[in-house]
N, C-alpha and C. Protein backbone atom coordinates (compact mmCIF):
# COMPACT_ATOMS: atom_id res chain seq x y z
N UNK A 1 103.47 17.80 85.08
CA UNK A 1 102.55 17.32 85.95
C UNK A 1 103.10 15.82 85.90
N UNK A 2 102.90 15.38 86.99
CA UNK A 2 103.18 13.96 87.18
C UNK A 2 102.03 13.02 87.01
N UNK A 3 102.35 11.78 86.76
CA UNK A 3 101.42 10.62 86.48
C UNK A 3 99.87 10.93 87.34
N UNK A 4 100.33 10.91 88.79
CA UNK A 4 99.05 10.90 89.68
C UNK A 4 98.28 12.11 89.49
N UNK A 5 99.07 13.33 88.98
CA UNK A 5 98.25 14.41 89.18
C UNK A 5 97.31 14.67 87.87
N UNK A 6 98.00 14.36 86.67
CA UNK A 6 97.00 13.52 85.46
C UNK A 6 95.67 13.30 85.63
N UNK A 7 96.23 11.96 86.35
CA UNK A 7 95.18 11.01 86.63
C UNK A 7 94.07 11.93 87.62
N UNK A 8 94.58 12.58 89.07
CA UNK A 8 93.68 13.23 89.60
C UNK A 8 92.45 14.27 88.83
N UNK A 9 93.23 14.87 87.85
CA UNK A 9 92.65 16.25 86.96
C UNK A 9 91.61 15.28 86.21
N UNK A 10 92.31 14.33 85.50
CA UNK A 10 91.00 13.33 84.65
C UNK A 10 89.69 13.11 85.31
N UNK A 11 90.01 12.23 86.90
CA UNK A 11 89.17 12.15 87.51
C UNK A 11 88.00 13.08 88.15
N UNK A 12 88.43 13.93 88.65
CA UNK A 12 87.40 15.44 88.55
C UNK A 12 86.53 15.48 87.42
N UNK A 13 87.36 15.76 86.23
CA UNK A 13 86.79 16.21 85.22
C UNK A 13 85.62 15.37 84.89
N UNK A 14 85.80 13.88 84.87
CA UNK A 14 84.49 12.94 84.56
C UNK A 14 83.58 13.01 85.45
N UNK A 15 83.91 13.24 86.80
CA UNK A 15 83.18 13.32 88.02
C UNK A 15 82.17 14.44 87.95
N UNK A 16 82.85 15.84 87.30
CA UNK A 16 81.91 16.78 87.18
C UNK A 16 80.92 16.85 85.89
N UNK A 17 81.29 16.05 84.67
CA UNK A 17 80.31 15.95 83.77
C UNK A 17 79.43 14.68 84.13
N UNK A 18 79.82 13.70 84.70
CA UNK A 18 78.78 12.84 85.60
C UNK A 18 78.06 13.63 86.13
N UNK A 19 78.11 14.17 87.06
CA UNK A 19 77.27 14.86 88.22
C UNK A 19 76.16 15.85 87.39
N UNK A 20 76.74 16.79 86.39
CA UNK A 20 76.06 17.74 85.78
C UNK A 20 74.95 17.09 84.72
N UNK A 21 75.23 15.65 84.44
CA UNK A 21 74.22 15.24 83.42
C UNK A 21 73.22 14.46 84.54
N UNK A 22 73.80 14.18 85.78
CA UNK A 22 72.71 13.50 86.71
C UNK A 22 71.68 14.64 87.53
N UNK A 23 72.39 15.70 87.75
CA UNK A 23 71.77 16.99 88.30
C UNK A 23 70.77 17.44 87.60
N UNK A 24 70.97 17.49 85.89
CA UNK A 24 70.05 17.67 84.86
C UNK A 24 68.81 16.86 85.23
N UNK A 25 69.22 15.51 85.06
CA UNK A 25 68.18 14.66 84.73
C UNK A 25 67.41 14.67 86.50
N UNK A 26 67.96 14.84 87.47
CA UNK A 26 67.65 14.78 88.92
C UNK A 26 66.88 16.10 88.86
N UNK A 27 67.07 17.15 88.53
CA UNK A 27 66.48 18.13 88.52
C UNK A 27 64.96 18.20 87.68
N UNK A 28 64.95 17.79 86.87
CA UNK A 28 63.51 17.34 86.09
C UNK A 28 62.73 16.50 87.14
N UNK A 29 62.99 15.26 87.97
CA UNK A 29 62.28 14.38 88.69
C UNK A 29 61.75 15.18 89.93
N UNK A 30 62.67 16.32 90.50
CA UNK A 30 62.52 17.25 91.51
C UNK A 30 61.31 18.36 90.90
N UNK A 31 61.27 18.55 90.20
CA UNK A 31 60.53 19.42 89.29
C UNK A 31 59.01 18.92 89.69
N UNK A 32 58.78 17.71 89.07
CA UNK A 32 57.84 17.24 88.67
C UNK A 32 57.25 16.71 90.16
N UNK A 33 58.24 16.16 91.14
CA UNK A 33 57.77 15.99 92.34
C UNK A 33 57.07 17.23 93.17
N UNK A 34 57.65 18.36 92.82
CA UNK A 34 57.15 19.46 93.40
C UNK A 34 55.66 19.64 92.76
N UNK A 35 55.52 19.88 91.68
CA UNK A 35 54.19 19.74 91.39
C UNK A 35 53.39 19.18 91.50
N UNK A 36 53.81 17.83 91.79
CA UNK A 36 52.38 16.75 91.97
C UNK A 36 51.99 16.93 93.55
N UNK A 37 53.03 17.87 94.47
CA UNK A 37 53.05 18.13 95.97
C UNK A 37 52.54 19.14 96.24
N UNK A 38 52.25 20.09 94.80
CA UNK A 38 51.66 21.65 95.22
C UNK A 38 50.30 21.64 95.94
N UNK A 39 50.10 22.61 96.58
CA UNK A 39 48.74 22.71 97.77
C UNK A 39 48.96 21.79 98.89
N UNK A 40 49.86 20.88 99.31
CA UNK A 40 50.00 20.14 100.23
C UNK A 40 50.74 21.14 101.35
N UNK A 41 49.93 21.31 102.80
CA UNK A 41 50.78 22.33 103.51
C UNK A 41 51.54 21.36 104.45
N UNK A 42 52.92 22.05 105.17
CA UNK A 42 53.94 21.29 105.75
C UNK A 42 53.23 20.98 107.49
N UNK A 43 53.34 20.22 107.74
CA UNK A 43 53.09 19.96 109.06
C UNK A 43 53.45 20.64 110.09
N UNK A 44 53.07 21.05 111.29
CA UNK A 44 53.24 22.14 111.93
C UNK A 44 54.98 21.49 112.46
N UNK A 45 55.55 22.69 112.63
CA UNK A 45 57.30 22.96 113.11
C UNK A 45 57.22 22.50 114.51
N UNK A 46 56.46 22.70 115.29
CA UNK A 46 56.85 22.55 116.85
C UNK A 46 55.38 21.33 117.19
N UNK A 47 55.58 20.20 117.72
CA UNK A 47 54.83 19.40 118.39
C UNK A 47 54.04 19.92 119.31
N UNK A 48 53.11 19.47 119.83
CA UNK A 48 52.19 19.78 120.43
C UNK A 48 52.86 19.67 122.14
N UNK A 49 53.68 18.90 122.32
CA UNK A 49 54.36 18.80 123.45
C UNK A 49 55.44 20.21 123.99
N UNK A 50 55.86 20.53 122.63
CA UNK A 50 56.89 21.97 122.96
C UNK A 50 57.95 21.74 122.63
N UNK A 51 58.44 20.46 122.14
CA UNK A 51 59.69 20.10 122.15
C UNK A 51 59.76 20.50 120.85
N UNK A 52 61.06 20.84 120.17
CA UNK A 52 61.65 21.37 118.83
C UNK A 52 63.03 21.03 118.62
N UNK A 53 63.05 20.40 117.61
CA UNK A 53 64.66 20.32 117.00
C UNK A 53 65.35 21.64 116.50
N UNK A 54 64.50 22.85 116.30
CA UNK A 54 65.34 24.22 115.74
C UNK A 54 66.65 24.45 116.12
N UNK A 55 67.30 24.23 117.27
CA UNK A 55 68.54 24.45 117.69
C UNK A 55 69.72 23.51 116.98
N UNK A 56 68.93 22.10 116.89
CA UNK A 56 69.80 21.22 116.33
C UNK A 56 70.03 21.44 114.92
N UNK A 57 68.95 21.92 114.18
CA UNK A 57 68.77 21.78 112.58
C UNK A 57 69.74 23.50 112.57
N UNK A 58 69.61 24.57 113.31
CA UNK A 58 70.23 25.46 113.04
C UNK A 58 71.84 25.39 113.30
N UNK A 59 72.05 24.53 114.38
CA UNK A 59 73.96 23.93 113.96
C UNK A 59 74.26 23.16 113.10
N UNK A 60 73.31 22.25 112.63
CA UNK A 60 73.53 21.48 111.49
C UNK A 60 73.42 22.54 110.23
N UNK A 61 72.70 23.34 109.89
CA UNK A 61 72.76 24.05 108.95
C UNK A 61 74.32 24.88 109.09
N UNK A 62 74.74 25.65 109.86
CA UNK A 62 75.73 26.09 109.95
C UNK A 62 77.16 25.39 109.59
N UNK A 63 76.75 24.15 110.09
CA UNK A 63 78.33 23.11 109.80
C UNK A 63 78.21 22.48 108.31
N UNK A 64 76.77 22.36 107.90
CA UNK A 64 76.47 22.36 106.49
C UNK A 64 77.28 23.23 105.67
N UNK A 65 77.07 24.64 105.65
CA UNK A 65 77.69 25.98 105.38
C UNK A 65 78.84 25.72 105.34
N UNK A 66 79.51 25.64 106.58
CA UNK A 66 80.85 25.49 106.53
C UNK A 66 81.71 24.40 105.70
N UNK A 67 81.10 23.43 105.72
CA UNK A 67 81.85 22.25 104.79
C UNK A 67 81.77 22.92 103.08
N UNK A 68 80.30 23.38 102.88
CA UNK A 68 80.17 23.74 101.86
C UNK A 68 81.09 25.18 101.27
N UNK A 69 81.48 25.66 102.06
CA UNK A 69 82.69 26.80 102.12
C UNK A 69 83.93 26.08 102.06
N UNK A 70 83.96 25.05 102.52
CA UNK A 70 85.59 24.45 102.62
C UNK A 70 86.24 24.95 103.93
N UNK A 71 85.48 25.32 104.80
CA UNK A 71 86.43 26.11 105.86
C UNK A 71 85.87 24.69 107.17
N UNK A 72 87.08 24.06 107.34
CA UNK A 72 87.02 23.20 108.10
C UNK A 72 87.10 23.80 109.90
N UNK A 73 87.40 24.95 110.09
CA UNK A 73 87.75 25.53 111.15
C UNK A 73 86.32 25.86 111.73
N UNK A 74 85.46 26.69 110.62
CA UNK A 74 84.22 26.69 111.07
C UNK A 74 83.01 25.38 111.05
N UNK A 75 83.54 24.42 110.23
CA UNK A 75 82.67 23.27 110.34
C UNK A 75 83.19 22.39 112.20
N UNK A 76 84.20 22.67 112.61
CA UNK A 76 84.48 22.33 113.75
C UNK A 76 83.84 23.02 114.80
N UNK A 77 83.71 24.24 114.73
CA UNK A 77 83.03 25.32 115.53
C UNK A 77 81.89 24.57 115.83
N UNK A 78 81.26 24.74 114.40
CA UNK A 78 79.65 23.98 114.12
C UNK A 78 79.41 22.73 114.81
N UNK A 79 80.17 22.01 114.63
CA UNK A 79 80.33 20.76 115.17
C UNK A 79 79.94 20.61 116.70
N UNK A 80 80.98 21.36 117.26
CA UNK A 80 80.96 21.63 119.06
C UNK A 80 79.65 22.15 119.24
N UNK A 81 79.22 23.33 118.51
CA UNK A 81 77.57 23.55 118.85
C UNK A 81 76.89 22.83 118.87
N UNK A 82 76.55 22.11 117.56
CA UNK A 82 75.55 21.01 117.50
C UNK A 82 75.91 19.91 118.59
N UNK A 83 76.95 19.68 119.16
CA UNK A 83 76.74 18.36 120.16
C UNK A 83 76.56 19.18 121.40
N UNK A 84 76.65 20.47 121.71
CA UNK A 84 76.42 21.17 122.69
C UNK A 84 74.84 21.29 122.72
N UNK A 85 74.16 21.36 121.35
CA UNK A 85 72.50 21.16 121.40
C UNK A 85 71.89 20.08 121.55
N UNK A 86 72.84 18.99 121.44
CA UNK A 86 72.33 17.45 121.52
C UNK A 86 72.26 17.34 123.02
N UNK A 87 73.27 18.00 123.58
CA UNK A 87 73.45 17.57 125.01
C UNK A 87 72.58 18.45 125.83
N UNK A 88 71.87 19.54 125.26
CA UNK A 88 71.57 20.38 126.34
C UNK A 88 69.88 20.33 125.92
N UNK A 89 69.34 19.30 125.43
CA UNK A 89 68.22 18.80 125.10
C UNK A 89 67.40 18.43 126.66
N UNK A 90 66.11 18.82 126.53
CA UNK A 90 65.50 18.52 127.83
C UNK A 90 64.76 17.21 127.37
N UNK A 91 65.05 16.13 127.89
CA UNK A 91 64.40 14.97 127.64
C UNK A 91 63.23 14.69 128.32
N UNK A 92 62.88 15.38 129.21
CA UNK A 92 61.61 15.29 129.70
C UNK A 92 60.54 15.75 128.65
N UNK A 93 61.07 17.07 127.70
CA UNK A 93 60.10 17.50 126.85
C UNK A 93 59.73 16.59 125.53
N UNK A 94 60.48 15.73 125.24
CA UNK A 94 60.55 14.97 124.20
C UNK A 94 59.15 13.77 124.64
N UNK A 95 58.57 13.66 123.58
CA UNK A 95 56.90 12.85 123.76
C UNK A 95 57.53 11.56 124.23
N UNK A 96 56.80 10.93 124.83
CA UNK A 96 57.08 9.53 125.36
C UNK A 96 56.99 8.36 123.86
N UNK A 97 56.00 8.71 123.14
CA UNK A 97 55.80 7.42 121.99
C UNK A 97 57.23 7.76 121.02
N UNK A 98 58.13 8.83 121.53
CA UNK A 98 59.23 9.26 120.29
C UNK A 98 60.46 9.01 121.08
N UNK A 99 60.50 9.13 122.12
CA UNK A 99 61.90 8.86 122.88
C UNK A 99 62.85 7.89 122.41
N UNK A 100 62.53 6.78 122.20
CA UNK A 100 63.62 5.57 121.97
C UNK A 100 63.61 5.99 120.75
N UNK A 101 63.28 6.45 119.87
CA UNK A 101 63.41 7.06 118.53
C UNK A 101 64.46 7.76 118.45
N UNK A 102 64.00 8.43 119.10
CA UNK A 102 65.14 10.06 119.36
C UNK A 102 66.47 9.64 119.82
N UNK A 103 66.61 8.56 121.12
CA UNK A 103 67.55 8.19 121.52
C UNK A 103 68.72 7.25 120.61
N UNK A 104 68.00 6.72 119.78
CA UNK A 104 68.63 5.88 118.89
C UNK A 104 69.30 6.68 118.06
N UNK A 105 68.78 7.53 117.50
CA UNK A 105 69.33 8.72 116.60
C UNK A 105 70.34 9.23 117.05
N UNK A 106 70.07 9.82 118.02
CA UNK A 106 71.16 11.04 118.66
C UNK A 106 72.31 10.35 119.06
N UNK A 107 72.13 8.90 119.88
CA UNK A 107 73.42 8.63 120.13
C UNK A 107 74.24 8.65 119.23
N UNK A 108 74.14 8.11 118.09
CA UNK A 108 74.92 8.06 116.65
C UNK A 108 75.09 9.75 115.97
N UNK A 109 74.16 10.26 116.24
CA UNK A 109 74.86 12.04 115.74
C UNK A 109 75.51 12.79 116.92
N UNK A 110 75.73 12.34 118.40
CA UNK A 110 76.71 13.02 119.12
C UNK A 110 77.89 12.59 118.58
N UNK A 111 78.08 11.18 118.23
CA UNK A 111 79.48 10.43 117.99
C UNK A 111 80.20 11.48 116.75
N UNK A 112 79.28 11.70 115.74
CA UNK A 112 79.55 12.16 114.46
C UNK A 112 79.89 13.59 114.68
N UNK A 113 78.86 14.26 115.18
CA UNK A 113 79.38 15.71 115.84
C UNK A 113 80.65 15.60 116.52
N UNK A 114 80.85 15.30 117.66
CA UNK A 114 81.94 14.96 118.43
C UNK A 114 83.38 15.11 117.20
N UNK A 115 83.39 13.77 116.52
CA UNK A 115 84.44 13.63 115.46
C UNK A 115 84.47 15.00 114.14
N UNK A 116 83.42 15.79 113.91
CA UNK A 116 83.81 16.72 113.41
C UNK A 116 84.27 17.97 113.91
N UNK A 117 83.81 18.30 115.17
CA UNK A 117 84.34 19.29 116.52
C UNK A 117 85.90 19.02 116.29
N UNK A 118 86.27 17.97 116.62
CA UNK A 118 87.85 17.65 117.08
C UNK A 118 88.75 17.29 116.00
N UNK A 119 88.33 17.54 114.33
CA UNK A 119 89.16 17.39 113.58
C UNK A 119 89.12 18.54 112.94
N UNK A 120 89.18 19.87 113.04
CA UNK A 120 89.83 20.91 112.02
C UNK A 120 90.95 20.52 111.87
N UNK A 121 90.98 20.88 110.41
CA UNK A 121 92.22 20.83 109.56
C UNK A 121 92.50 19.33 108.63
N UNK A 122 91.03 18.64 109.01
CA UNK A 122 90.99 17.22 108.42
C UNK A 122 89.48 17.23 107.81
N UNK A 123 89.44 18.02 106.43
CA UNK A 123 87.87 18.43 106.27
C UNK A 123 87.17 17.02 105.27
N UNK A 124 88.30 16.26 104.80
CA UNK A 124 87.84 15.34 104.50
C UNK A 124 87.15 14.04 105.21
N UNK A 125 87.85 14.23 106.35
CA UNK A 125 87.28 13.27 107.71
C UNK A 125 85.81 13.98 108.14
N UNK A 126 86.16 15.30 108.57
CA UNK A 126 84.68 16.01 108.30
C UNK A 126 83.66 15.37 107.79
N UNK A 127 83.83 15.78 106.47
CA UNK A 127 82.77 15.31 105.50
C UNK A 127 82.35 13.83 105.64
N UNK A 128 83.11 12.90 105.95
CA UNK A 128 82.86 11.65 105.91
C UNK A 128 81.53 11.24 107.23
N UNK A 129 81.93 12.01 108.27
CA UNK A 129 81.35 12.19 109.48
C UNK A 129 79.84 12.89 109.10
N UNK A 130 79.95 13.95 107.97
CA UNK A 130 79.11 14.65 108.14
C UNK A 130 77.89 13.89 107.04
N UNK A 131 78.23 13.02 106.19
CA UNK A 131 77.15 12.26 105.64
C UNK A 131 76.31 11.33 106.45
N UNK A 132 77.14 10.66 107.26
CA UNK A 132 76.39 9.92 108.33
C UNK A 132 75.19 10.71 109.09
N UNK A 133 76.08 12.05 109.77
CA UNK A 133 75.30 13.10 110.58
C UNK A 133 73.92 13.46 109.94
N UNK A 134 74.01 13.43 108.61
CA UNK A 134 73.19 14.27 107.52
C UNK A 134 71.90 13.48 107.60
N UNK A 135 71.94 11.80 107.80
CA UNK A 135 70.92 11.04 108.03
C UNK A 135 70.28 10.83 109.13
N UNK A 136 71.22 11.10 110.09
CA UNK A 136 70.92 11.28 111.18
C UNK A 136 69.86 12.60 111.55
N UNK A 137 70.36 13.55 111.04
CA UNK A 137 69.28 14.76 111.07
C UNK A 137 68.17 14.85 110.32
N UNK A 138 68.07 14.36 109.01
CA UNK A 138 67.00 14.09 108.35
C UNK A 138 65.81 13.03 108.87
N UNK A 139 66.90 12.17 109.80
CA UNK A 139 65.60 10.97 110.38
C UNK A 139 64.73 11.92 111.67
N UNK A 140 65.50 13.07 112.20
CA UNK A 140 64.96 13.84 113.05
C UNK A 140 63.93 14.74 112.65
N UNK A 141 64.22 14.98 111.79
CA UNK A 141 63.27 16.10 110.95
C UNK A 141 62.00 15.22 110.42
N UNK A 142 62.47 13.82 109.86
CA UNK A 142 60.71 13.01 109.65
C UNK A 142 60.43 12.93 111.06
N UNK A 143 60.96 12.45 111.83
CA UNK A 143 60.24 12.17 113.37
C UNK A 143 59.68 13.39 114.26
N UNK A 144 60.09 14.35 114.07
CA UNK A 144 59.72 15.74 114.85
C UNK A 144 58.83 16.85 114.09
N UNK A 145 59.09 16.66 112.50
CA UNK A 145 58.70 17.54 111.45
C UNK A 145 59.81 18.99 111.34
N UNK A 146 60.00 19.41 110.07
CA UNK A 146 61.24 20.36 109.99
C UNK A 146 60.54 21.81 110.88
N UNK A 147 61.66 22.51 111.81
CA UNK A 147 61.13 23.46 112.21
C UNK A 147 61.31 24.55 111.18
N UNK A 148 61.63 24.74 110.32
CA UNK A 148 61.63 25.63 109.11
C UNK A 148 61.32 24.64 107.76
N UNK A 149 61.16 25.79 106.66
CA UNK A 149 61.28 25.08 105.55
C UNK A 149 63.09 24.62 105.16
N UNK A 150 62.89 23.14 104.71
CA UNK A 150 64.04 22.54 104.57
C UNK A 150 63.86 21.86 103.22
N UNK A 151 65.07 21.78 102.46
CA UNK A 151 65.51 20.97 101.12
C UNK A 151 66.18 19.70 101.56
N UNK A 152 65.59 18.41 101.04
CA UNK A 152 66.57 17.01 101.17
C UNK A 152 67.50 17.24 99.93
N UNK A 153 68.44 17.22 100.12
CA UNK A 153 69.37 17.47 98.79
C UNK A 153 70.21 16.21 98.66
N UNK A 154 70.87 15.77 97.50
CA UNK A 154 71.59 14.61 97.01
C UNK A 154 72.65 14.85 96.18
N UNK A 155 73.77 14.38 96.81
CA UNK A 155 75.00 14.55 95.61
C UNK A 155 75.29 12.66 94.97
N UNK A 156 74.99 12.59 94.25
CA UNK A 156 75.16 11.02 93.33
C UNK A 156 76.45 10.55 93.25
N UNK A 157 77.77 11.64 93.26
CA UNK A 157 78.91 11.22 92.88
C UNK A 157 79.78 11.04 94.44
N UNK A 158 79.04 11.56 95.75
CA UNK A 158 80.27 11.15 96.90
C UNK A 158 80.29 9.77 97.48
N UNK A 159 81.20 9.39 97.79
CA UNK A 159 81.73 8.12 98.15
C UNK A 159 82.06 6.98 97.19
N UNK A 160 82.55 7.32 96.03
CA UNK A 160 82.76 6.84 95.10
C UNK A 160 81.62 6.07 94.62
N UNK A 161 80.57 7.22 94.06
CA UNK A 161 79.05 6.75 93.49
C UNK A 161 78.19 6.40 94.50
N UNK A 162 78.48 6.52 95.82
CA UNK A 162 77.52 5.45 96.59
C UNK A 162 76.24 6.82 96.82
N UNK A 163 76.75 8.08 96.97
CA UNK A 163 76.02 9.12 97.02
C UNK A 163 75.54 9.38 98.49
N UNK A 164 75.04 10.74 98.78
CA UNK A 164 75.38 10.97 100.05
C UNK A 164 74.07 11.98 100.09
N UNK A 165 73.32 12.58 101.11
CA UNK A 165 72.16 13.51 101.17
C UNK A 165 72.79 14.67 102.15
N UNK A 166 71.97 15.97 102.15
CA UNK A 166 72.16 16.62 103.18
C UNK A 166 71.06 17.74 103.03
N UNK A 167 71.19 18.22 104.38
CA UNK A 167 69.56 19.36 104.50
C UNK A 167 69.86 20.76 103.97
N UNK A 168 69.40 21.37 103.42
CA UNK A 168 69.57 22.85 103.19
C UNK A 168 68.52 23.81 103.36
N UNK A 169 68.81 25.19 103.80
CA UNK A 169 67.70 26.06 103.94
C UNK A 169 67.24 26.79 102.81
N UNK A 170 67.83 26.63 101.72
CA UNK A 170 67.78 27.01 100.37
C UNK A 170 67.81 25.77 99.15
N UNK A 171 66.95 26.39 98.23
CA UNK A 171 66.86 25.11 97.16
C UNK A 171 67.97 25.16 96.37
N UNK A 172 68.98 26.40 96.42
CA UNK A 172 70.33 26.45 95.57
C UNK A 172 71.58 25.36 96.13
N UNK A 173 71.65 24.52 95.17
CA UNK A 173 73.00 23.61 95.37
C UNK A 173 74.02 24.01 96.02
N UNK A 174 74.45 23.94 97.03
CA UNK A 174 75.94 24.22 97.48
C UNK A 174 76.34 22.77 98.31
N UNK A 175 76.89 22.29 97.57
CA UNK A 175 77.33 20.80 98.04
C UNK A 175 78.42 20.96 99.08
N UNK A 176 77.94 20.45 100.28
CA UNK A 176 79.36 19.97 101.44
C UNK A 176 80.24 19.08 101.13
N UNK A 177 80.14 18.36 100.16
CA UNK A 177 80.97 17.00 100.06
C UNK A 177 82.13 17.67 99.40
N UNK A 178 81.66 18.22 98.15
CA UNK A 178 82.72 18.88 97.64
C UNK A 178 82.92 20.55 97.40
N UNK A 179 84.15 20.64 96.71
CA UNK A 179 84.09 22.36 96.49
C UNK A 179 84.58 22.66 95.04
N UNK A 180 85.10 23.79 94.91
CA UNK A 180 85.48 24.32 93.77
C UNK A 180 84.53 23.99 92.60
N UNK A 181 84.61 23.32 91.48
CA UNK A 181 83.75 23.01 90.50
C UNK A 181 83.05 22.17 90.45
N UNK A 182 83.07 21.08 91.81
CA UNK A 182 81.67 20.35 92.01
C UNK A 182 80.59 20.94 92.95
N UNK A 183 81.23 22.03 93.19
CA UNK A 183 80.01 22.50 94.63
C UNK A 183 78.57 22.84 94.19
N UNK A 184 78.06 22.65 92.71
CA UNK A 184 76.88 22.91 92.40
C UNK A 184 76.30 21.65 92.02
N UNK A 185 76.95 20.30 92.00
CA UNK A 185 76.85 18.80 91.84
C UNK A 185 75.52 18.27 92.92
N UNK A 186 74.94 17.94 92.28
CA UNK A 186 73.78 17.42 93.37
C UNK A 186 72.23 17.92 92.91
N UNK A 187 71.06 17.70 93.76
CA UNK A 187 69.95 17.62 93.27
C UNK A 187 68.77 17.96 94.50
N UNK A 188 67.86 18.71 94.41
CA UNK A 188 66.63 18.49 95.44
C UNK A 188 65.90 17.50 95.02
N UNK A 189 65.75 16.49 96.44
CA UNK A 189 64.99 15.57 96.66
C UNK A 189 63.32 15.78 96.79
N UNK A 190 63.65 16.64 97.88
CA UNK A 190 62.31 16.67 98.66
C UNK A 190 62.16 18.27 99.53
N UNK A 191 61.17 18.45 99.71
CA UNK A 191 61.22 19.73 100.35
C UNK A 191 60.32 19.58 101.79
N UNK A 192 60.94 20.23 102.89
CA UNK A 192 60.08 19.71 103.82
C UNK A 192 59.32 21.03 104.37
């Protein structure tokens, strides 16, 4: 092994240990938060206006799962589907009081979905855009309510320790930012 390979292996091992320690601590916090919120009922998934972000969330979850599996081609296809769902939204169905907030979020989300769809073969580039896209989709979920049960997950190690979030349909951690030994790095922060 050359010096760079040895250094890479050492960094990955350090990250794995740190992530597991952070995950164990964070899981305890998530368990406590879940216990504190028991009994509360989720808001309606479809607002009175009839507008729903369900197709957007469905495509986003397919994208997340493709990245978690390390499949850049499937991620590109899911990014294309997501972009199509953004573009096919009936703008007249969005409640007037949420229209500006929706547009502010979606303009950037479209750019990130487009980058992901155009970059099969460059999974790290796709993951960079997915990190930003995850914040935008989370903002949509907060603005319009979750169309299904979702978990807000967090990876403290991504982006040199800056961390990143993602939404998941299951409480099991399948990290879309790392593969292999790091695939379970992260913790559930919130349930929608």
